[in-house]
């Protein structure tokens, strides 16, 4: 993945939530990566701009649909 063709599909308050969303995209075979300005994990409180989940531009629509679907609670219970 090159950096020039990446877009943020979601921004999270913490890396844990971003990792959960990334795993949903991984399961759908969509490559993604997490961008966090936290000094390489040494200072997790430095996420001033949020934790971004990045995907290729051409995968953004499908990724957003998957994340929207997985974020909805099951109402069929």
PDB file of N, CA and C in Angstrom:
ATOM      1  N   UNK A   1       0.839  -1.168   0.000  1.00  0.00           N
ATOM      2  CA  UNK A   1       0.000   0.000   0.000  1.00  0.00           C
ATOM      3  C   UNK A   1       0.889   1.239   0.000  1.00  0.00           C
ATOM      4  N   UNK A   2       0.628   2.144  -0.891  1.00  0.00           N
ATOM      5  CA  UNK A   2       1.375   3.390  -0.860  1.00  0.00           C
ATOM      6  C   UNK A   2       0.584   4.427  -0.100  1.00  0.00           C
ATOM      7  N   UNK A   3       1.254   5.351   0.459  1.00  0.00           N
ATOM      8  CA  UNK A   3       0.607   6.354   1.290  1.00  0.00           C
ATOM      9  C   UNK A   3      -0.249   7.316   0.490  1.00  0.00           C
ATOM     10  N   UNK A   4       0.077   7.534  -0.763  1.00  0.00           N
ATOM     11  CA  UNK A   4      -0.628   8.538  -1.551  1.00  0.00           C
ATOM     12  C   UNK A   4      -2.044   8.127  -1.918  1.00  0.00           C
ATOM     13  N   UNK A   5      -2.347   6.841  -1.881  1.00  0.00           N
ATOM     14  CA  UNK A   5      -3.689   6.417  -2.270  1.00  0.00           C
ATOM     15  C   UNK A   5      -4.530   5.963  -1.083  1.00  0.00           C
ATOM     16  N   UNK A   6      -4.185   6.406   0.115  1.00  0.00           N
ATOM     17  CA  UNK A   6      -4.917   6.016   1.308  1.00  0.00           C
ATOM     18  C   UNK A   6      -5.880   7.116   1.754  1.00  0.00           C
ATOM     19  N   UNK A   7      -7.035   6.683   2.272  1.00  0.00           N
ATOM     20  CA  UNK A   7      -8.009   7.622   2.830  1.00  0.00           C
ATOM     21  C   UNK A   7      -8.454   7.090   4.192  1.00  0.00           C
ATOM     22  N   UNK A   8      -8.819   7.996   5.073  1.00  0.00           N
ATOM     23  CA  UNK A   8      -9.330   7.610   6.391  1.00  0.00           C
ATOM     24  C   UNK A   8     -10.817   7.310   6.270  1.00  0.00           C
ATOM     25  N   UNK A   9     -11.209   6.085   6.647  1.00  0.00           N
ATOM     26  CA  UNK A   9     -12.631   5.742   6.617  1.00  0.00           C
ATOM     27  C   UNK A   9     -13.288   5.969   7.967  1.00  0.00           C
ATOM     28  N   UNK A  10     -12.499   5.995   9.021  1.00  0.00           N
ATOM     29  CA  UNK A  10     -13.002   6.273  10.362  1.00  0.00           C
ATOM     30  C   UNK A  10     -11.895   6.875  11.213  1.00  0.00           C
ATOM     31  N   UNK A  11     -12.294   7.655  12.201  1.00  0.00           N
ATOM     32  CA  UNK A  11     -11.369   8.165  13.207  1.00  0.00           C
ATOM     33  C   UNK A  11     -11.898   7.744  14.573  1.00  0.00           C
ATOM     34  N   UNK A  12     -11.024   7.202  15.389  1.00  0.00           N
ATOM     35  CA  UNK A  12     -11.399   6.661  16.695  1.00  0.00           C
ATOM     36  C   UNK A  12     -10.703   7.430  17.811  1.00  0.00           C
ATOM     37  N   UNK A  13     -11.225   7.284  19.023  1.00  0.00           N
ATOM     38  CA  UNK A  13     -10.619   7.936  20.181  1.00  0.00           C
ATOM     39  C   UNK A  13      -9.440   7.153  20.730  1.00  0.00           C
ATOM     40  N   UNK A  14      -9.377   5.850  20.403  1.00  0.00           N
ATOM     41  CA  UNK A  14      -8.276   5.042  20.921  1.00  0.00           C
ATOM     42  C   UNK A  14      -7.908   3.945  19.919  1.00  0.00           C
ATOM     43  N   UNK A  15      -6.738   3.390  20.124  1.00  0.00           N
ATOM     44  CA  UNK A  15      -6.208   2.385  19.210  1.00  0.00           C
ATOM     45  C   UNK A  15      -6.963   1.058  19.326  1.00  0.00           C
ATOM     46  N   UNK A  16      -7.474   0.757  20.503  1.00  0.00           N
ATOM     47  CA  UNK A  16      -8.215  -0.481  20.704  1.00  0.00           C
ATOM     48  C   UNK A  16      -9.439  -0.545  19.790  1.00  0.00           C
ATOM     49  N   UNK A  17     -10.240   0.523  19.757  1.00  0.00           N
ATOM     50  CA  UNK A  17     -11.419   0.556  18.889  1.00  0.00           C
ATOM     51  C   UNK A  17     -11.025   0.481  17.416  1.00  0.00           C
ATOM     52  N   UNK A  18      -9.927   1.128  17.068  1.00  0.00           N
ATOM     53  CA  UNK A  18      -9.450   1.080  15.686  1.00  0.00           C
ATOM     54  C   UNK A  18      -9.036  -0.345  15.307  1.00  0.00           C
ATOM     55  N   UNK A  19      -8.418  -1.062  16.232  1.00  0.00           N
ATOM     56  CA  UNK A  19      -8.004  -2.452  15.975  1.00  0.00           C
ATOM     57  C   UNK A  19      -9.216  -3.353  15.755  1.00  0.00           C
ATOM     58  N   UNK A  20     -10.298  -3.124  16.490  1.00  0.00           N
ATOM     59  CA  UNK A  20     -11.513  -3.920  16.303  1.00  0.00           C
ATOM     60  C   UNK A  20     -12.081  -3.682  14.906  1.00  0.00           C
ATOM     61  N   UNK A  21     -12.152  -2.416  14.503  1.00  0.00           N
ATOM     62  CA  UNK A  21     -12.655  -2.093  13.164  1.00  0.00           C
ATOM     63  C   UNK A  21     -11.741  -2.671  12.090  1.00  0.00           C
ATOM     64  N   UNK A  22     -10.436  -2.609  12.318  1.00  0.00           N
ATOM     65  CA  UNK A  22      -9.478  -3.161  11.361  1.00  0.00           C
ATOM     66  C   UNK A  22      -9.699  -4.662  11.195  1.00  0.00           C
ATOM     67  N   UNK A  23      -9.999  -5.354  12.285  1.00  0.00           N
ATOM     68  CA  UNK A  23     -10.221  -6.801  12.188  1.00  0.00           C
ATOM     69  C   UNK A  23     -11.466  -7.116  11.358  1.00  0.00           C
ATOM     70  N   UNK A  24     -12.488  -6.249  11.409  1.00  0.00           N
ATOM     71  CA  UNK A  24     -13.667  -6.449  10.566  1.00  0.00           C
ATOM     72  C   UNK A  24     -13.294  -6.301   9.087  1.00  0.00           C
ATOM     73  N   UNK A  25     -12.447  -5.335   8.785  1.00  0.00           N
ATOM     74  CA  UNK A  25     -12.000  -5.155   7.400  1.00  0.00           C
ATOM     75  C   UNK A  25     -11.092  -6.301   6.967  1.00  0.00           C
ATOM     76  N   UNK A  26     -10.236  -6.757   7.862  1.00  0.00           N
ATOM     77  CA  UNK A  26      -9.378  -7.910   7.552  1.00  0.00           C
ATOM     78  C   UNK A  26     -10.230  -9.127   7.185  1.00  0.00           C
ATOM     79  N   UNK A  27     -11.307  -9.349   7.925  1.00  0.00           N
ATOM     80  CA  UNK A  27     -12.188 -10.483   7.663  1.00  0.00           C
ATOM     81  C   UNK A  27     -12.858 -10.371   6.294  1.00  0.00           C
ATOM     82  N   UNK A  28     -13.020  -9.144   5.813  1.00  0.00           N
ATOM     83  CA  UNK A  28     -13.624  -8.916   4.495  1.00  0.00           C
ATOM     84  C   UNK A  28     -12.561  -8.799   3.405  1.00  0.00           C
ATOM     85  N   UNK A  29     -11.313  -9.123   3.730  1.00  0.00           N
ATOM     86  CA  UNK A  29     -10.187  -9.055   2.790  1.00  0.00           C
ATOM     87  C   UNK A  29      -9.945  -7.654   2.253  1.00  0.00           C
ATOM     88  N   UNK A  30     -10.128  -6.656   3.108  1.00  0.00           N
ATOM     89  CA  UNK A  30      -9.809  -5.275   2.749  1.00  0.00           C
ATOM     90  C   UNK A  30      -8.562  -4.880   3.533  1.00  0.00           C
ATOM     91  N   UNK A  31      -7.493  -4.551   2.810  1.00  0.00           N
ATOM     92  CA  UNK A  31      -6.261  -4.112   3.461  1.00  0.00           C
ATOM     93  C   UNK A  31      -6.500  -2.768   4.139  1.00  0.00           C
ATOM     94  N   UNK A  32      -5.987  -2.644   5.346  1.00  0.00           N
ATOM     95  CA  UNK A  32      -6.123  -1.386   6.075  1.00  0.00           C
ATOM     96  C   UNK A  32      -4.928  -1.217   6.994  1.00  0.00           C
ATOM     97  N   UNK A  33      -4.777  -0.009   7.485  1.00  0.00           N
ATOM     98  CA  UNK A  33      -3.718   0.259   8.451  1.00  0.00           C
ATOM     99  C   UNK A  33      -4.188   1.341   9.407  1.00  0.00           C
ATOM    100  N   UNK A  34      -3.586   1.359  10.579  1.00  0.00           N
ATOM    101  CA  UNK A  34      -3.955   2.322  11.603  1.00  0.00           C
ATOM    102  C   UNK A  34      -2.879   3.388  11.686  1.00  0.00           C
ATOM    103  N   UNK A  35      -3.324   4.640  11.710  1.00  0.00           N
ATOM    104  CA  UNK A  35      -2.410   5.771  11.838  1.00  0.00           C
ATOM    105  C   UNK A  35      -2.726   6.470  13.164  1.00  0.00           C
ATOM    106  N   UNK A  36      -1.735   6.480  14.051  1.00  0.00           N
ATOM    107  CA  UNK A  36      -1.907   7.125  15.350  1.00  0.00           C
ATOM    108  C   UNK A  36      -0.652   7.918  15.676  1.00  0.00           C
ATOM    109  N   UNK A  37      -0.821   9.159  16.019  1.00  0.00           N
ATOM    110  CA  UNK A  37       0.311   9.998  16.404  1.00  0.00           C
ATOM    111  C   UNK A  37       0.558   9.828  17.900  1.00  0.00           C
ATOM    112  N   UNK A  38       1.140   8.665  18.257  1.00  0.00           N
ATOM    113  CA  UNK A  38       1.346   8.345  19.672  1.00  0.00           C
ATOM    114  C   UNK A  38       2.805   7.983  19.971  1.00  0.00           C
ATOM    115  N   UNK A  39       3.714   8.548  19.217  1.00  0.00           N
ATOM    116  CA  UNK A  39       5.150   8.314  19.399  1.00  0.00           C
ATOM    117  C   UNK A  39       5.475   6.820  19.328  1.00  0.00           C
ATOM    118  N   UNK A  40       4.894   6.144  18.351  1.00  0.00           N
ATOM    119  CA  UNK A  40       5.164   4.723  18.162  1.00  0.00           C
ATOM    120  C   UNK A  40       4.634   3.844  19.271  1.00  0.00           C
ATOM    121  N   UNK A  41       3.615   4.298  19.975  1.00  0.00           N
ATOM    122  CA  UNK A  41       3.032   3.531  21.070  1.00  0.00           C
ATOM    123  C   UNK A  41       3.613   3.877  22.425  1.00  0.00           C
ATOM    124  N   UNK A  42       4.698   4.647  22.444  1.00  0.00           N
ATOM    125  CA  UNK A  42       5.345   5.002  23.701  1.00  0.00           C
ATOM    126  C   UNK A  42       4.525   6.004  24.513  1.00  0.00           C
ATOM    127  N   UNK A  43       3.704   6.812  23.835  1.00  0.00           N
ATOM    128  CA  UNK A  43       2.885   7.818  24.517  1.00  0.00           C
ATOM    129  C   UNK A  43       1.457   7.749  24.003  1.00  0.00           C
ATOM    130  N   UNK A  44       0.683   6.747  24.458  1.00  0.00           N
ATOM    131  CA  UNK A  44      -0.658   6.543  23.914  1.00  0.00           C
ATOM    132  C   UNK A  44      -1.602   7.726  24.122  1.00  0.00           C
ATOM    133  N   UNK A  45      -1.309   8.616  25.036  1.00  0.00           N
ATOM    134  CA  UNK A  45      -2.163   9.777  25.261  1.00  0.00           C
ATOM    135  C   UNK A  45      -1.972  10.890  24.251  1.00  0.00           C
ATOM    136  N   UNK A  46      -1.044  10.735  23.316  1.00  0.00           N
ATOM    137  CA  UNK A  46      -0.739  11.794  22.342  1.00  0.00           C
ATOM    138  C   UNK A  46      -1.559  11.669  21.062  1.00  0.00           C
ATOM    139  N   UNK A  47      -2.774  11.211  21.116  1.00  0.00           N
ATOM    140  CA  UNK A  47      -3.594  10.996  19.918  1.00  0.00           C
ATOM    141  C   UNK A  47      -4.437  12.224  19.603  1.00  0.00           C
ATOM    142  N   UNK A  48      -3.865  13.386  19.699  1.00  0.00           N
ATOM    143  CA  UNK A  48      -4.603  14.640  19.553  1.00  0.00           C
ATOM    144  C   UNK A  48      -5.486  14.696  18.314  1.00  0.00           C
ATOM    145  N   UNK A  49      -5.046  14.120  17.219  1.00  0.00           N
ATOM    146  CA  UNK A  49      -5.850  14.157  15.998  1.00  0.00           C
ATOM    147  C   UNK A  49      -6.689  12.897  15.830  1.00  0.00           C
ATOM    148  N   UNK A  50      -6.719  12.043  16.829  1.00  0.00           N
ATOM    149  CA  UNK A  50      -7.478  10.804  16.749  1.00  0.00           C
ATOM    150  C   UNK A  50      -6.652   9.689  16.145  1.00  0.00           C
ATOM    151  N   UNK A  51      -7.220   8.513  16.157  1.00  0.00           N
ATOM    152  CA  UNK A  51      -6.593   7.327  15.595  1.00  0.00           C
ATOM    153  C   UNK A  51      -7.358   7.000  14.324  1.00  0.00           C
ATOM    154  N   UNK A  52      -6.683   7.071  13.190  1.00  0.00           N
ATOM    155  CA  UNK A  52      -7.346   6.905  11.902  1.00  0.00           C
ATOM    156  C   UNK A  52      -7.179   5.491  11.362  1.00  0.00           C
ATOM    157  N   UNK A  53      -8.246   4.994  10.762  1.00  0.00           N
ATOM    158  CA  UNK A  53      -8.221   3.720  10.052  1.00  0.00           C
ATOM    159  C   UNK A  53      -8.179   4.040   8.567  1.00  0.00           C
ATOM    160  N   UNK A  54      -7.086   3.659   7.913  1.00  0.00           N
ATOM    161  CA  UNK A  54      -6.853   4.004   6.510  1.00  0.00           C
ATOM    162  C   UNK A  54      -7.049   2.803   5.605  1.00  0.00           C
ATOM    163  N   UNK A  55      -7.623   3.061   4.432  1.00  0.00           N
ATOM    164  CA  UNK A  55      -7.774   2.039   3.392  1.00  0.00           C
ATOM    165  C   UNK A  55      -7.421   2.663   2.049  1.00  0.00           C
ATOM    166  N   UNK A  56      -7.249   1.826   1.046  1.00  0.00           N
ATOM    167  CA  UNK A  56      -7.055   2.341  -0.314  1.00  0.00           C
ATOM    168  C   UNK A  56      -8.303   3.114  -0.730  1.00  0.00           C
ATOM    169  N   UNK A  57      -8.108   4.146  -1.515  1.00  0.00           N
ATOM    170  CA  UNK A  57      -9.228   4.976  -1.964  1.00  0.00           C
ATOM    171  C   UNK A  57     -10.294   4.145  -2.653  1.00  0.00           C
ATOM    172  N   UNK A  58      -9.880   3.173  -3.460  1.00  0.00           N
ATOM    173  CA  UNK A  58     -10.861   2.361  -4.193  1.00  0.00           C
ATOM    174  C   UNK A  58     -11.631   1.396  -3.283  1.00  0.00           C
ATOM    175  N   UNK A  59     -11.157   1.176  -2.057  1.00  0.00           N
ATOM    176  CA  UNK A  59     -11.852   0.300  -1.105  1.00  0.00           C
ATOM    177  C   UNK A  59     -12.680   1.079  -0.090  1.00  0.00           C
ATOM    178  N   UNK A  60     -12.638   2.393  -0.133  1.00  0.00           N
ATOM    179  CA  UNK A  60     -13.251   3.220   0.911  1.00  0.00           C
ATOM    180  C   UNK A  60     -14.760   3.002   1.032  1.00  0.00           C
ATOM    181  N   UNK A  61     -15.459   2.957  -0.075  1.00  0.00           N
ATOM    182  CA  UNK A  61     -16.917   2.812  -0.018  1.00  0.00           C
ATOM    183  C   UNK A  61     -17.303   1.467   0.602  1.00  0.00           C
ATOM    184  N   UNK A  62     -16.676   0.404   0.124  1.00  0.00           N
ATOM    185  CA  UNK A  62     -16.976  -0.935   0.662  1.00  0.00           C
ATOM    186  C   UNK A  62     -16.586  -1.034   2.140  1.00  0.00           C
ATOM    187  N   UNK A  63     -15.446  -0.451   2.498  1.00  0.00           N
ATOM    188  CA  UNK A  63     -14.997  -0.478   3.889  1.00  0.00           C
ATOM    189  C   UNK A  63     -15.988   0.255   4.788  1.00  0.00           C
ATOM    190  N   UNK A  64     -16.462   1.408   4.354  1.00  0.00           N
ATOM    191  CA  UNK A  64     -17.433   2.162   5.142  1.00  0.00           C
ATOM    192  C   UNK A  64     -18.724   1.364   5.311  1.00  0.00           C
ATOM    193  N   UNK A  65     -19.163   0.684   4.259  1.00  0.00           N
ATOM    194  CA  UNK A  65     -20.374  -0.143   4.344  1.00  0.00           C
ATOM    195  C   UNK A  65     -20.196  -1.263   5.360  1.00  0.00           C
ATOM    196  N   UNK A  66     -19.034  -1.898   5.345  1.00  0.00           N
ATOM    197  CA  UNK A  66     -18.760  -2.988   6.292  1.00  0.00           C
ATOM    198  C   UNK A  66     -18.736  -2.455   7.716  1.00  0.00           C
ATOM    199  N   UNK A  67     -18.075  -1.337   7.926  1.00  0.00           N
ATOM    200  CA  UNK A  67     -18.005  -0.769   9.267  1.00  0.00           C
ATOM    201  C   UNK A  67     -19.378  -0.303   9.746  1.00  0.00           C
ATOM    202  N   UNK A  68     -20.186   0.237   8.852  1.00  0.00           N
ATOM    203  CA  UNK A  68     -21.540   0.640   9.224  1.00  0.00           C
ATOM    204  C   UNK A  68     -22.374  -0.579   9.620  1.00  0.00           C
ATOM    205  N   UNK A  69     -22.217  -1.674   8.892  1.00  0.00           N
ATOM    206  CA  UNK A  69     -22.970  -2.893   9.167  1.00  0.00           C
ATOM    207  C   UNK A  69     -22.540  -3.517  10.480  1.00  0.00           C
ATOM    208  N   UNK A  70     -21.256  -3.581  10.728  1.00  0.00           N
ATOM    209  CA  UNK A  70     -20.759  -4.233  11.946  1.00  0.00           C
ATOM    210  C   UNK A  70     -21.002  -3.373  13.176  1.00  0.00           C
ATOM    211  N   UNK A  71     -21.251  -2.084  13.001  1.00  0.00           N
ATOM    212  CA  UNK A  71     -21.475  -1.209  14.141  1.00  0.00           C
ATOM    213  C   UNK A  71     -22.915  -1.257  14.641  1.00  0.00           C
ATOM    214  N   UNK A  72     -23.829  -1.789  13.835  1.00  0.00           N
ATOM    215  CA  UNK A  72     -25.235  -1.834  14.221  1.00  0.00           C
ATOM    216  C   UNK A  72     -25.494  -3.045  15.133  1.00  0.00           C
ATOM    217  N   UNK A  73     -26.205  -2.821  16.234  1.00  0.00           N
ATOM    218  CA  UNK A  73     -26.544  -3.957  17.096  1.00  0.00           C
ATOM    219  C   UNK A  73     -27.588  -4.845  16.422  1.00  0.00           C
ATOM    220  N   UNK A  74     -27.575  -6.110  16.772  1.00  0.00           N
ATOM    221  CA  UNK A  74     -28.548  -7.055  16.221  1.00  0.00           C
ATOM    222  C   UNK A  74     -29.905  -6.802  16.874  1.00  0.00           C
ATOM    223  N   UNK A  75     -30.880  -6.453  16.066  1.00  0.00           N
ATOM    224  CA  UNK A  75     -32.202  -6.151  16.603  1.00  0.00           C
ATOM    225  C   UNK A  75     -33.166  -7.325  16.439  1.00  0.00           C
ATOM    226  N   UNK A  76     -32.669  -8.458  15.976  1.00  0.00           N
ATOM    227  CA  UNK A  76     -33.529  -9.607  15.731  1.00  0.00           C
ATOM    228  C   UNK A  76     -33.683 -10.537  16.922  1.00  0.00           C
ATOM    229  N   UNK A  77     -33.278 -10.112  18.091  1.00  0.00           N
ATOM    230  CA  UNK A  77     -33.321 -10.988  19.279  1.00  0.00           C
ATOM    231  C   UNK A  77     -34.682 -10.976  19.897  1.00  0.00           C
TER     232      UNK A  77
END
